[in-house]
Amino acid sequence: GSGTFTITIKAPSTPGTYIIKYDMVKEGVTWFSWVGSPMRVRQVVVR
């Protein structure tokens, strides 16, 4: 299946380029990336 999610994160107070990695988990079982689902990676710039 697929879905759309909106998340809110607090930016670090130190400016710079950061990498955010998104993964899903099935509670008590495993992280999706551990069984082959690709982890989403995004670069963000904090000014």
N, C-alpha and C. Protein backbone atom coordinates (compact mmCIF):
# COMPACT_ATOMS: atom_id res chain seq x y z
N GLY A 1 0.82 -1.18 0.00
CA GLY A 1 0.00 0.00 0.00
C GLY A 1 0.86 1.24 0.00
N SER A 2 0.21 2.36 -0.01
CA SER A 2 0.93 3.62 0.03
C SER A 2 0.14 4.62 0.87
N GLY A 3 0.80 5.66 1.26
CA GLY A 3 0.16 6.70 2.07
C GLY A 3 0.95 7.97 2.02
N THR A 4 0.33 9.03 2.47
CA THR A 4 0.98 10.32 2.55
C THR A 4 1.00 10.74 4.02
N PHE A 5 2.15 11.17 4.49
CA PHE A 5 2.30 11.57 5.88
C PHE A 5 2.84 12.99 5.96
N THR A 6 2.38 13.73 6.92
CA THR A 6 2.92 15.05 7.22
C THR A 6 3.57 14.98 8.59
N ILE A 7 4.84 15.39 8.67
CA ILE A 7 5.53 15.39 9.95
C ILE A 7 6.03 16.79 10.25
N THR A 8 6.19 17.07 11.50
CA THR A 8 6.76 18.34 11.95
C THR A 8 8.00 18.01 12.77
N ILE A 9 9.11 18.64 12.43
CA ILE A 9 10.33 18.44 13.20
C ILE A 9 10.87 19.80 13.61
N LYS A 10 11.58 19.82 14.71
CA LYS A 10 12.21 21.05 15.18
C LYS A 10 13.62 21.13 14.59
N ALA A 11 13.91 22.23 13.93
CA ALA A 11 15.22 22.40 13.31
C ALA A 11 16.29 22.60 14.38
N PRO A 12 17.49 22.10 14.14
CA PRO A 12 18.59 22.36 15.08
C PRO A 12 18.88 23.86 15.15
N SER A 13 19.41 24.30 16.26
CA SER A 13 19.72 25.73 16.41
C SER A 13 21.00 26.13 15.68
N THR A 14 21.82 25.15 15.31
CA THR A 14 23.06 25.42 14.59
C THR A 14 22.83 25.32 13.09
N PRO A 15 23.11 26.41 12.35
CA PRO A 15 22.95 26.36 10.89
C PRO A 15 23.84 25.29 10.27
N GLY A 16 23.40 24.76 9.15
CA GLY A 16 24.20 23.76 8.44
C GLY A 16 23.32 22.89 7.58
N THR A 17 23.95 21.91 6.95
CA THR A 17 23.25 20.95 6.12
C THR A 17 23.10 19.66 6.92
N TYR A 18 21.89 19.15 6.96
CA TYR A 18 21.57 17.96 7.74
C TYR A 18 20.91 16.92 6.85
N ILE A 19 21.04 15.68 7.25
CA ILE A 19 20.41 14.56 6.55
C ILE A 19 19.32 14.00 7.47
N ILE A 20 18.12 13.85 6.93
CA ILE A 20 17.02 13.23 7.66
C ILE A 20 16.72 11.89 7.00
N LYS A 21 16.66 10.84 7.81
CA LYS A 21 16.36 9.50 7.31
C LYS A 21 15.01 9.07 7.87
N TYR A 22 14.13 8.62 6.98
CA TYR A 22 12.80 8.17 7.36
C TYR A 22 12.70 6.67 7.18
N ASP A 23 12.19 6.00 8.19
CA ASP A 23 11.98 4.56 8.12
C ASP A 23 10.66 4.25 8.83
N MET A 24 10.06 3.15 8.48
CA MET A 24 8.84 2.70 9.13
C MET A 24 9.20 1.51 10.02
N VAL A 25 8.37 1.28 11.05
CA VAL A 25 8.60 0.16 11.94
C VAL A 25 7.28 -0.57 12.19
N LYS A 26 7.35 -1.88 12.28
CA LYS A 26 6.20 -2.66 12.75
C LYS A 26 6.53 -2.99 14.20
N GLU A 27 5.82 -2.35 15.11
CA GLU A 27 6.13 -2.46 16.54
C GLU A 27 6.31 -3.91 16.97
N GLY A 28 7.40 -4.13 17.68
CA GLY A 28 7.68 -5.47 18.21
C GLY A 28 8.17 -6.47 17.18
N VAL A 29 8.34 -6.02 15.91
CA VAL A 29 8.75 -6.95 14.86
C VAL A 29 10.08 -6.51 14.25
N THR A 30 10.07 -5.44 13.44
CA THR A 30 11.30 -5.01 12.77
C THR A 30 11.10 -3.66 12.10
N TRP A 31 12.21 -3.03 11.78
CA TRP A 31 12.21 -1.84 10.92
C TRP A 31 12.08 -2.31 9.49
N PHE A 32 11.32 -1.58 8.68
CA PHE A 32 11.11 -1.98 7.28
C PHE A 32 12.43 -2.05 6.51
N SER A 33 13.34 -1.11 6.75
CA SER A 33 14.62 -1.10 6.02
C SER A 33 15.46 -2.33 6.32
N TRP A 34 15.26 -2.95 7.46
CA TRP A 34 16.02 -4.16 7.81
C TRP A 34 15.60 -5.36 6.97
N VAL A 35 14.41 -5.27 6.35
CA VAL A 35 13.94 -6.40 5.54
C VAL A 35 13.80 -6.02 4.06
N GLY A 36 14.53 -4.96 3.64
CA GLY A 36 14.62 -4.65 2.22
C GLY A 36 13.85 -3.44 1.72
N SER A 37 12.99 -2.83 2.52
CA SER A 37 12.27 -1.64 2.07
C SER A 37 13.23 -0.45 2.12
N PRO A 38 13.30 0.34 1.06
CA PRO A 38 14.27 1.44 1.07
C PRO A 38 13.91 2.53 2.08
N MET A 39 14.93 3.01 2.78
CA MET A 39 14.76 4.13 3.70
C MET A 39 14.77 5.42 2.89
N ARG A 40 13.91 6.34 3.22
CA ARG A 40 13.89 7.64 2.53
C ARG A 40 14.90 8.56 3.19
N VAL A 41 15.70 9.24 2.37
CA VAL A 41 16.74 10.13 2.87
C VAL A 41 16.54 11.50 2.24
N ARG A 42 16.53 12.53 3.07
CA ARG A 42 16.36 13.90 2.58
C ARG A 42 17.43 14.79 3.19
N GLN A 43 17.95 15.70 2.38
CA GLN A 43 18.92 16.69 2.86
C GLN A 43 18.17 17.99 3.11
N VAL A 44 18.41 18.62 4.25
CA VAL A 44 17.79 19.90 4.57
C VAL A 44 18.87 20.89 4.97
N VAL A 45 18.63 22.17 4.65
CA VAL A 45 19.58 23.23 5.01
C VAL A 45 18.92 24.10 6.06
N VAL A 46 19.60 24.26 7.19
CA VAL A 46 19.13 25.14 8.27
C VAL A 46 19.96 26.40 8.20
N ARG A 47 19.26 27.55 8.15
CA ARG A 47 19.97 28.83 8.05
C ARG A 47 19.82 29.64 9.29
